[in-house]
PDB file of N, CA and C in Angstrom:
ATOM      1  N   MET A   1       0.834  -1.184   0.000  1.00  0.00           N
ATOM      2  CA  MET A   1       0.000   0.000   0.000  1.00  0.00           C
ATOM      3  C   MET A   1       0.881   1.251   0.000  1.00  0.00           C
ATOM      4  N   SER A   2       0.511   2.211  -0.769  1.00  0.00           N
ATOM      5  CA  SER A   2       1.282   3.441  -0.889  1.00  0.00           C
ATOM      6  C   SER A   2       1.064   4.337   0.325  1.00  0.00           C
ATOM      7  N   ARG A   3       2.125   5.005   0.771  1.00  0.00           N
ATOM      8  CA  ARG A   3       2.038   5.894   1.927  1.00  0.00           C
ATOM      9  C   ARG A   3       1.607   7.302   1.533  1.00  0.00           C
ATOM     10  N   ILE A   4       1.567   7.560   0.250  1.00  0.00           N
ATOM     11  CA  ILE A   4       1.172   8.877  -0.252  1.00  0.00           C
ATOM     12  C   ILE A   4       0.233   8.666  -1.431  1.00  0.00           C
ATOM     13  N   THR A   5      -0.810   9.440  -1.484  1.00  0.00           N
ATOM     14  CA  THR A   5      -1.792   9.271  -2.557  1.00  0.00           C
ATOM     15  C   THR A   5      -1.488  10.206  -3.715  1.00  0.00           C
ATOM     16  N   LYS A   6      -2.083   9.880  -4.846  1.00  0.00           N
ATOM     17  CA  LYS A   6      -1.909  10.727  -6.024  1.00  0.00           C
ATOM     18  C   LYS A   6      -2.529  12.107  -5.772  1.00  0.00           C
ATOM     19  N   GLU A   7      -3.606  12.134  -4.998  1.00  0.00           N
ATOM     20  CA  GLU A   7      -4.246  13.412  -4.674  1.00  0.00           C
ATOM     21  C   GLU A   7      -3.328  14.283  -3.815  1.00  0.00           C
ATOM     22  N   GLN A   8      -2.586  13.659  -2.897  1.00  0.00           N
ATOM     23  CA  GLN A   8      -1.627  14.413  -2.085  1.00  0.00           C
ATOM     24  C   GLN A   8      -0.507  14.972  -2.955  1.00  0.00           C
ATOM     25  N   VAL A   9      -0.052  14.179  -3.913  1.00  0.00           N
ATOM     26  CA  VAL A   9       0.990  14.650  -4.844  1.00  0.00           C
ATOM     27  C   VAL A   9       0.474  15.849  -5.628  1.00  0.00           C
ATOM     28  N   LYS A  10      -0.759  15.757  -6.120  1.00  0.00           N
ATOM     29  CA  LYS A  10      -1.341  16.867  -6.885  1.00  0.00           C
ATOM     30  C   LYS A  10      -1.509  18.098  -5.998  1.00  0.00           C
ATOM     31  N   HIS A  11      -1.881  17.885  -4.734  1.00  0.00           N
ATOM     32  CA  HIS A  11      -2.055  19.008  -3.815  1.00  0.00           C
ATOM     33  C   HIS A  11      -0.724  19.727  -3.579  1.00  0.00           C
ATOM     34  N   VAL A  12       0.329  18.965  -3.338  1.00  0.00           N
ATOM     35  CA  VAL A  12       1.648  19.570  -3.137  1.00  0.00           C
ATOM     36  C   VAL A  12       2.098  20.295  -4.403  1.00  0.00           C
ATOM     37  N   ALA A  13       1.854  19.695  -5.555  1.00  0.00           N
ATOM     38  CA  ALA A  13       2.213  20.351  -6.822  1.00  0.00           C
ATOM     39  C   ALA A  13       1.447  21.656  -6.975  1.00  0.00           C
ATOM     40  N   HIS A  14       0.181  21.656  -6.590  1.00  0.00           N
ATOM     41  CA  HIS A  14      -0.622  22.879  -6.662  1.00  0.00           C
ATOM     42  C   HIS A  14      -0.059  23.954  -5.733  1.00  0.00           C
ATOM     43  N   LEU A  15       0.305  23.560  -4.498  1.00  0.00           N
ATOM     44  CA  LEU A  15       0.876  24.521  -3.554  1.00  0.00           C
ATOM     45  C   LEU A  15       2.172  25.111  -4.079  1.00  0.00           C
ATOM     46  N   ALA A  16       2.947  24.291  -4.811  1.00  0.00           N
ATOM     47  CA  ALA A  16       4.222  24.753  -5.368  1.00  0.00           C
ATOM     48  C   ALA A  16       4.026  25.440  -6.721  1.00  0.00           C
ATOM     49  N   ARG A  17       2.778  25.582  -7.120  1.00  0.00           N
ATOM     50  CA  ARG A  17       2.428  26.206  -8.411  1.00  0.00           C
ATOM     51  C   ARG A  17       3.065  25.466  -9.585  1.00  0.00           C
ATOM     52  N   LEU A  18       3.030  24.124  -9.501  1.00  0.00           N
ATOM     53  CA  LEU A  18       3.563  23.282 -10.569  1.00  0.00           C
ATOM     54  C   LEU A  18       2.415  22.594 -11.281  1.00  0.00           C
ATOM     55  N   GLY A  19       2.436  22.641 -12.579  1.00  0.00           N
ATOM     56  CA  GLY A  19       1.446  21.909 -13.353  1.00  0.00           C
ATOM     57  C   GLY A  19       1.997  20.529 -13.687  1.00  0.00           C
ATOM     58  N   ILE A  20       1.299  19.476 -13.254  1.00  0.00           N
ATOM     59  CA  ILE A  20       1.768  18.124 -13.550  1.00  0.00           C
ATOM     60  C   ILE A  20       0.642  17.329 -14.198  1.00  0.00           C
ATOM     61  N   THR A  21       1.029  16.390 -15.026  1.00  0.00           N
ATOM     62  CA  THR A  21       0.065  15.521 -15.701  1.00  0.00           C
ATOM     63  C   THR A  21      -0.275  14.337 -14.802  1.00  0.00           C
ATOM     64  N   GLU A  22      -1.271  13.565 -15.223  1.00  0.00           N
ATOM     65  CA  GLU A  22      -1.647  12.362 -14.467  1.00  0.00           C
ATOM     66  C   GLU A  22      -0.473  11.383 -14.409  1.00  0.00           C
ATOM     67  N   ASP A  23       0.231  11.227 -15.537  1.00  0.00           N
ATOM     68  CA  ASP A  23       1.384  10.317 -15.563  1.00  0.00           C
ATOM     69  C   ASP A  23       2.477  10.783 -14.610  1.00  0.00           C
ATOM     70  N   GLU A  24       2.729  12.099 -14.576  1.00  0.00           N
ATOM     71  CA  GLU A  24       3.747  12.637 -13.670  1.00  0.00           C
ATOM     72  C   GLU A  24       3.323  12.454 -12.210  1.00  0.00           C
ATOM     73  N   ALA A  25       2.032  12.663 -11.931  1.00  0.00           N
ATOM     74  CA  ALA A  25       1.541  12.482 -10.567  1.00  0.00           C
ATOM     75  C   ALA A  25       1.750  11.044 -10.117  1.00  0.00           C
ATOM     76  N   GLU A  26       1.495  10.097 -11.007  1.00  0.00           N
ATOM     77  CA  GLU A  26       1.689   8.694 -10.673  1.00  0.00           C
ATOM     78  C   GLU A  26       3.169   8.377 -10.457  1.00  0.00           C
ATOM     79  N   MET A  27       4.026   8.928 -11.331  1.00  0.00           N
ATOM     80  CA  MET A  27       5.468   8.711 -11.208  1.00  0.00           C
ATOM     81  C   MET A  27       5.987   9.300  -9.892  1.00  0.00           C
ATOM     82  N   PHE A  28       5.560  10.546  -9.573  1.00  0.00           N
ATOM     83  CA  PHE A  28       6.006  11.193  -8.338  1.00  0.00           C
ATOM     84  C   PHE A  28       5.462  10.457  -7.118  1.00  0.00           C
ATOM     85  N   GLN A  29       4.257   9.918  -7.212  1.00  0.00           N
ATOM     86  CA  GLN A  29       3.698   9.148  -6.105  1.00  0.00           C
ATOM     87  C   GLN A  29       4.605   7.960  -5.796  1.00  0.00           C
ATOM     88  N   HIS A  30       5.019   7.269  -6.848  1.00  0.00           N
ATOM     89  CA  HIS A  30       5.894   6.111  -6.665  1.00  0.00           C
ATOM     90  C   HIS A  30       7.250   6.535  -6.075  1.00  0.00           C
ATOM     91  N   GLN A  31       7.832   7.600  -6.620  1.00  0.00           N
ATOM     92  CA  GLN A  31       9.140   8.055  -6.143  1.00  0.00           C
ATOM     93  C   GLN A  31       9.083   8.533  -4.693  1.00  0.00           C
ATOM     94  N   LEU A  32       8.049   9.300  -4.356  1.00  0.00           N
ATOM     95  CA  LEU A  32       7.920   9.788  -2.988  1.00  0.00           C
ATOM     96  C   LEU A  32       7.668   8.644  -2.017  1.00  0.00           C
ATOM     97  N   ASP A  33       6.916   7.641  -2.452  1.00  0.00           N
ATOM     98  CA  ASP A  33       6.669   6.478  -1.609  1.00  0.00           C
ATOM     99  C   ASP A  33       7.975   5.741  -1.301  1.00  0.00           C
ATOM    100  N   GLU A  34       8.858   5.642  -2.296  1.00  0.00           N
ATOM    101  CA  GLU A  34      10.164   5.012  -2.079  1.00  0.00           C
ATOM    102  C   GLU A  34      10.998   5.822  -1.089  1.00  0.00           C
ATOM    103  N   MET A  35      10.928   7.157  -1.163  1.00  0.00           N
ATOM    104  CA  MET A  35      11.668   8.001  -0.227  1.00  0.00           C
ATOM    105  C   MET A  35      11.146   7.823   1.196  1.00  0.00           C
ATOM    106  N   ILE A  36       9.832   7.755   1.325  1.00  0.00           N
ATOM    107  CA  ILE A  36       9.230   7.564   2.647  1.00  0.00           C
ATOM    108  C   ILE A  36       9.645   6.209   3.214  1.00  0.00           C
ATOM    109  N   SER A  37       9.670   5.183   2.369  1.00  0.00           N
ATOM    110  CA  SER A  37      10.093   3.853   2.818  1.00  0.00           C
ATOM    111  C   SER A  37      11.529   3.886   3.322  1.00  0.00           C
ATOM    112  N   PHE A  38      12.394   4.595   2.609  1.00  0.00           N
ATOM    113  CA  PHE A  38      13.793   4.708   3.025  1.00  0.00           C
ATOM    114  C   PHE A  38      13.899   5.430   4.368  1.00  0.00           C
ATOM    115  N   ALA A  39      13.132   6.514   4.530  1.00  0.00           N
ATOM    116  CA  ALA A  39      13.159   7.251   5.798  1.00  0.00           C
ATOM    117  C   ALA A  39      12.670   6.375   6.939  1.00  0.00           C
ATOM    118  N   GLU A  40      11.676   5.537   6.674  1.00  0.00           N
ATOM    119  CA  GLU A  40      11.183   4.627   7.713  1.00  0.00           C
ATOM    120  C   GLU A  40      12.251   3.602   8.101  1.00  0.00           C
ATOM    121  N   GLN A  41      13.045   3.165   7.131  1.00  0.00           N
ATOM    122  CA  GLN A  41      14.149   2.249   7.443  1.00  0.00           C
ATOM    123  C   GLN A  41      15.155   2.929   8.360  1.00  0.00           C
ATOM    124  N   LEU A  42      15.436   4.200   8.099  1.00  0.00           N
ATOM    125  CA  LEU A  42      16.386   4.935   8.940  1.00  0.00           C
ATOM    126  C   LEU A  42      15.859   5.073  10.362  1.00  0.00           C
ATOM    127  N   ASN A  43      14.549   5.194  10.521  1.00  0.00           N
ATOM    128  CA  ASN A  43      13.961   5.313  11.860  1.00  0.00           C
ATOM    129  C   ASN A  43      14.128   4.041  12.677  1.00  0.00           C
ATOM    130  N   GLU A  44      14.395   2.919  12.041  1.00  0.00           N
ATOM    131  CA  GLU A  44      14.578   1.654  12.750  1.00  0.00           C
ATOM    132  C   GLU A  44      15.965   1.545  13.395  1.00  0.00           C
ATOM    133  N   LEU A  45      16.907   2.393  12.987  1.00  0.00           N
ATOM    134  CA  LEU A  45      18.263   2.333  13.524  1.00  0.00           C
ATOM    135  C   LEU A  45      18.321   2.838  14.961  1.00  0.00           C
ATOM    136  N   ASP A  46      19.158   2.208  15.766  1.00  0.00           N
ATOM    137  CA  ASP A  46      19.364   2.634  17.143  1.00  0.00           C
ATOM    138  C   ASP A  46      20.429   3.735  17.145  1.00  0.00           C
ATOM    139  N   THR A  47      20.026   4.945  17.426  1.00  0.00           N
ATOM    140  CA  THR A  47      20.947   6.085  17.406  1.00  0.00           C
ATOM    141  C   THR A  47      21.103   6.717  18.790  1.00  0.00           C
ATOM    142  N   ASP A  48      20.764   5.961  19.828  1.00  0.00           N
ATOM    143  CA  ASP A  48      20.835   6.504  21.188  1.00  0.00           C
ATOM    144  C   ASP A  48      22.259   6.916  21.576  1.00  0.00           C
ATOM    145  N   GLN A  49      23.268   6.201  21.110  1.00  0.00           N
ATOM    146  CA  GLN A  49      24.645   6.490  21.488  1.00  0.00           C
ATOM    147  C   GLN A  49      25.370   7.378  20.471  1.00  0.00           C
ATOM    148  N   VAL A  50      24.645   7.890  19.492  1.00  0.00           N
ATOM    149  CA  VAL A  50      25.255   8.715  18.441  1.00  0.00           C
ATOM    150  C   VAL A  50      25.035  10.187  18.772  1.00  0.00           C
ATOM    151  N   GLU A  51      26.145  10.931  18.813  1.00  0.00           N
ATOM    152  CA  GLU A  51      26.027  12.366  19.072  1.00  0.00           C
ATOM    153  C   GLU A  51      25.455  13.067  17.844  1.00  0.00           C
ATOM    154  N   PRO A  52      24.664  14.121  18.066  1.00  0.00           N
ATOM    155  CA  PRO A  52      24.116  14.866  16.925  1.00  0.00           C
ATOM    156  C   PRO A  52      25.237  15.471  16.079  1.00  0.00           C
ATOM    157  N   THR A  53      25.045  15.475  14.786  1.00  0.00           N
ATOM    158  CA  THR A  53      26.010  16.049  13.855  1.00  0.00           C
ATOM    159  C   THR A  53      25.459  17.381  13.353  1.00  0.00           C
ATOM    160  N   TYR A  54      26.229  18.420  13.549  1.00  0.00           N
ATOM    161  CA  TYR A  54      25.795  19.730  13.094  1.00  0.00           C
ATOM    162  C   TYR A  54      26.379  20.070  11.732  1.00  0.00           C
ATOM    163  N   HIS A  55      27.495  19.447  11.414  1.00  0.00           N
ATOM    164  CA  HIS A  55      28.139  19.668  10.119  1.00  0.00           C
ATOM    165  C   HIS A  55      28.960  18.413   9.831  1.00  0.00           C
ATOM    166  N   VAL A  56      28.957  17.981   8.583  1.00  0.00           N
ATOM    167  CA  VAL A  56      29.658  16.739   8.258  1.00  0.00           C
ATOM    168  C   VAL A  56      31.173  16.888   8.320  1.00  0.00           C
ATOM    169  N   LEU A  57      31.677  18.105   8.188  1.00  0.00           N
ATOM    170  CA  LEU A  57      33.116  18.342   8.281  1.00  0.00           C
ATOM    171  C   LEU A  57      33.414  19.098   9.562  1.00  0.00           C
ATOM    172  N   ASP A  58      34.520  18.780  10.179  1.00  0.00           N
ATOM    173  CA  ASP A  58      34.908  19.453  11.417  1.00  0.00           C
ATOM    174  C   ASP A  58      35.579  20.779  11.067  1.00  0.00           C
ATOM    175  N   MET A  59      34.769  21.771  10.743  1.00  0.00           N
ATOM    176  CA  MET A  59      35.296  23.073  10.349  1.00  0.00           C
ATOM    177  C   MET A  59      34.700  24.136  11.267  1.00  0.00           C
ATOM    178  N   LYS A  60      35.548  25.055  11.703  1.00  0.00           N
ATOM    179  CA  LYS A  60      35.076  26.132  12.554  1.00  0.00           C
ATOM    180  C   LYS A  60      35.598  27.456  12.021  1.00  0.00           C
ATOM    181  N   ASN A  61      34.694  28.432  11.899  1.00  0.00           N
ATOM    182  CA  ASN A  61      35.061  29.785  11.491  1.00  0.00           C
ATOM    183  C   ASN A  61      36.001  29.794  10.279  1.00  0.00           C
ATOM    184  N   VAL A  62      35.517  29.276   9.190  1.00  0.00           N
ATOM    185  CA  VAL A  62      36.351  29.189   7.997  1.00  0.00           C
ATOM    186  C   VAL A  62      36.032  30.307   7.005  1.00  0.00           C
ATOM    187  N   MET A  63      35.541  31.425   7.524  1.00  0.00           N
ATOM    188  CA  MET A  63      35.229  32.546   6.638  1.00  0.00           C
ATOM    189  C   MET A  63      36.474  33.394   6.414  1.00  0.00           C
ATOM    190  N   ARG A  64      36.536  33.983   5.245  1.00  0.00           N
ATOM    191  CA  ARG A  64      37.674  34.837   4.933  1.00  0.00           C
ATOM    192  C   ARG A  64      37.510  36.191   5.612  1.00  0.00           C
ATOM    193  N   GLU A  65      38.591  36.916   5.702  1.00  0.00           N
ATOM    194  CA  GLU A  65      38.542  38.262   6.243  1.00  0.00           C
ATOM    195  C   GLU A  65      37.707  39.141   5.324  1.00  0.00           C
ATOM    196  N   ASP A  66      36.954  40.042   5.904  1.00  0.00           N
ATOM    197  CA  ASP A  66      36.126  40.968   5.133  1.00  0.00           C
ATOM    198  C   ASP A  66      36.956  42.212   4.831  1.00  0.00           C
ATOM    199  N   THR A  67      37.655  42.157   3.704  1.00  0.00           N
ATOM    200  CA  THR A  67      38.509  43.280   3.324  1.00  0.00           C
ATOM    201  C   THR A  67      38.047  43.862   2.004  1.00  0.00           C
ATOM    202  N   ALA A  68      38.200  45.156   1.870  1.00  0.00           N
ATOM    203  CA  ALA A  68      37.829  45.829   0.627  1.00  0.00           C
ATOM    204  C   ALA A  68      38.851  45.489  -0.448  1.00  0.00           C
ATOM    205  N   GLY A  69      38.369  45.336  -1.659  1.00  0.00           N
ATOM    206  CA  GLY A  69      39.248  45.040  -2.781  1.00  0.00           C
ATOM    207  C   GLY A  69      38.797  45.798  -4.013  1.00  0.00           C
ATOM    208  N   LYS A  70      39.617  45.734  -5.023  1.00  0.00           N
ATOM    209  CA  LYS A  70      39.306  46.432  -6.268  1.00  0.00           C
ATOM    210  C   LYS A  70      38.147  45.724  -6.957  1.00  0.00           C
ATOM    211  N   GLY A  71      37.142  46.479  -7.366  1.00  0.00           N
ATOM    212  CA  GLY A  71      35.977  45.931  -8.048  1.00  0.00           C
ATOM    213  C   GLY A  71      36.194  45.865  -9.552  1.00  0.00           C
ATOM    214  N   LEU A  72      35.165  45.443 -10.248  1.00  0.00           N
ATOM    215  CA  LEU A  72      35.225  45.379 -11.709  1.00  0.00           C
ATOM    216  C   LEU A  72      35.193  46.777 -12.308  1.00  0.00           C
ATOM    217  N   PRO A  73      35.753  46.948 -13.496  1.00  0.00           N
ATOM    218  CA  PRO A  73      35.636  48.239 -14.170  1.00  0.00           C
ATOM    219  C   PRO A  73      34.173  48.527 -14.497  1.00  0.00           C
ATOM    220  N   VAL A  74      33.787  49.791 -14.463  1.00  0.00           N
ATOM    221  CA  VAL A  74      32.394  50.195 -14.709  1.00  0.00           C
ATOM    222  C   VAL A  74      31.910  49.670 -16.058  1.00  0.00           C
ATOM    223  N   GLU A  75      32.755  49.721 -17.073  1.00  0.00           N
ATOM    224  CA  GLU A  75      32.362  49.266 -18.412  1.00  0.00           C
ATOM    225  C   GLU A  75      31.970  47.778 -18.386  1.00  0.00           C
ATOM    226  N   GLU A  76      32.693  47.005 -17.583  1.00  0.00           N
ATOM    227  CA  GLU A  76      32.425  45.572 -17.470  1.00  0.00           C
ATOM    228  C   GLU A  76      31.101  45.326 -16.736  1.00  0.00           C
ATOM    229  N   VAL A  77      30.828  46.135 -15.730  1.00  0.00           N
ATOM    230  CA  VAL A  77      29.612  45.966 -14.929  1.00  0.00           C
ATOM    231  C   VAL A  77      28.369  46.270 -15.751  1.00  0.00           C
ATOM    232  N   VAL A  78      28.385  47.347 -16.526  1.00  0.00           N
ATOM    233  CA  VAL A  78      27.181  47.766 -17.250  1.00  0.00           C
ATOM    234  C   VAL A  78      27.076  47.157 -18.647  1.00  0.00           C
ATOM    235  N   LYS A  79      28.058  46.373 -19.056  1.00  0.00           N
ATOM    236  CA  LYS A  79      28.066  45.868 -20.434  1.00  0.00           C
ATOM    237  C   LYS A  79      26.854  44.989 -20.745  1.00  0.00           C
ATOM    238  N   ASN A  80      26.364  44.196 -19.793  1.00  0.00           N
ATOM    239  CA  ASN A  80      25.215  43.322 -20.040  1.00  0.00           C
ATOM    240  C   ASN A  80      23.907  43.866 -19.479  1.00  0.00           C
ATOM    241  N   ALA A  81      23.937  45.071 -18.933  1.00  0.00           N
ATOM    242  CA  ALA A  81      22.709  45.662 -18.394  1.00  0.00           C
ATOM    243  C   ALA A  81      21.777  46.032 -19.550  1.00  0.00           C
ATOM    244  N   PRO A  82      20.485  45.799 -19.399  1.00  0.00           N
ATOM    245  CA  PRO A  82      19.559  46.137 -20.475  1.00  0.00           C
ATOM    246  C   PRO A  82      19.494  47.632 -20.757  1.00  0.00           C
ATOM    247  N   ASP A  83      19.736  48.462 -19.730  1.00  0.00           N
ATOM    248  CA  ASP A  83      19.688  49.913 -19.922  1.00  0.00           C
ATOM    249  C   ASP A  83      20.679  50.558 -18.958  1.00  0.00           C
ATOM    250  N   SER A  84      21.561  51.391 -19.486  1.00  0.00           N
ATOM    251  CA  SER A  84      22.512  52.088 -18.623  1.00  0.00           C
ATOM    252  C   SER A  84      22.754  53.482 -19.169  1.00  0.00           C
ATOM    253  N   LYS A  85      23.209  54.372 -18.277  1.00  0.00           N
ATOM    254  CA  LYS A  85      23.506  55.746 -18.684  1.00  0.00           C
ATOM    255  C   LYS A  85      24.572  56.293 -17.748  1.00  0.00           C
ATOM    256  N   ASP A  86      25.616  56.852 -18.308  1.00  0.00           N
ATOM    257  CA  ASP A  86      26.698  57.483 -17.547  1.00  0.00           C
ATOM    258  C   ASP A  86      27.309  56.542 -16.501  1.00  0.00           C
ATOM    259  N   GLY A  87      27.425  55.259 -16.826  1.00  0.00           N
ATOM    260  CA  GLY A  87      28.050  54.303 -15.923  1.00  0.00           C
ATOM    261  C   GLY A  87      27.133  53.746 -14.857  1.00  0.00           C
ATOM    262  N   TYR A  88      25.856  54.061 -14.925  1.00  0.00           N
ATOM    263  CA  TYR A  88      24.883  53.545 -13.954  1.00  0.00           C
ATOM    264  C   TYR A  88      23.881  52.639 -14.660  1.00  0.00           C
ATOM    265  N   ILE A  89      23.393  51.652 -13.965  1.00  0.00           N
ATOM    266  CA  ILE A  89      22.350  50.779 -14.511  1.00  0.00           C
ATOM    267  C   ILE A  89      21.011  51.440 -14.237  1.00  0.00           C
ATOM    268  N   ARG A  90      20.235  51.614 -15.304  1.00  0.00           N
ATOM    269  CA  ARG A  90      18.932  52.259 -15.170  1.00  0.00           C
ATOM    270  C   ARG A  90      17.861  51.192 -14.930  1.00  0.00           C
ATOM    271  N   VAL A  91      16.977  51.480 -14.002  1.00  0.00           N
ATOM    272  CA  VAL A  91      15.878  50.572 -13.679  1.00  0.00           C
ATOM    273  C   VAL A  91      14.582  51.364 -13.712  1.00  0.00           C
ATOM    274  N   PRO A  92      13.446  50.678 -13.872  1.00  0.00           N
ATOM    275  CA  PRO A  92      12.166  51.409 -13.872  1.00  0.00           C
ATOM    276  C   PRO A  92      11.919  52.098 -12.529  1.00  0.00           C
ATOM    277  N   ALA A  93      11.315  53.256 -12.580  1.00  0.00           N
ATOM    278  CA  ALA A  93      11.001  53.986 -11.357  1.00  0.00           C
ATOM    279  C   ALA A  93       9.889  53.248 -10.599  1.00  0.00           C
ATOM    280  N   ILE A  94      10.024  53.246  -9.272  1.00  0.00           N
ATOM    281  CA  ILE A  94       8.994  52.588  -8.453  1.00  0.00           C
ATOM    282  C   ILE A  94       8.223  53.586  -7.622  1.00  0.00           C
ATOM    283  N   MET A  95       8.655  54.846  -7.622  1.00  0.00           N
ATOM    284  CA  MET A  95       7.965  55.913  -6.869  1.00  0.00           C
ATOM    285  C   MET A  95       7.741  57.094  -7.795  1.00  0.00           C
ATOM    286  N   ASP A  96       6.681  57.802  -7.540  1.00  0.00           N
ATOM    287  CA  ASP A  96       6.402  58.999  -8.365  1.00  0.00           C
ATOM    288  C   ASP A  96       7.208  60.173  -7.917  1.00  0.00           C
TER     289      ASP A  96
END
């Protein structure tokens, strides 16, 4: 018996604003059911003696220094902008 119905798949697709066909709903139902089965298998494991893992790698404070550096040339920045003038990117006005 499936743990998720086709109607539930369609409902989630609707919430995500995704249009799916009947065939896709059936395919996703099967795939999601397999994922749920796998998660249920994981729940059977005894993890009482396992410490929680917050990150898979033992890394602490690995951020770079926040230093100012030379930016791109203005010509390079505005080259792909749809509209620019005098080195600035022009955007539609949002206030009167």
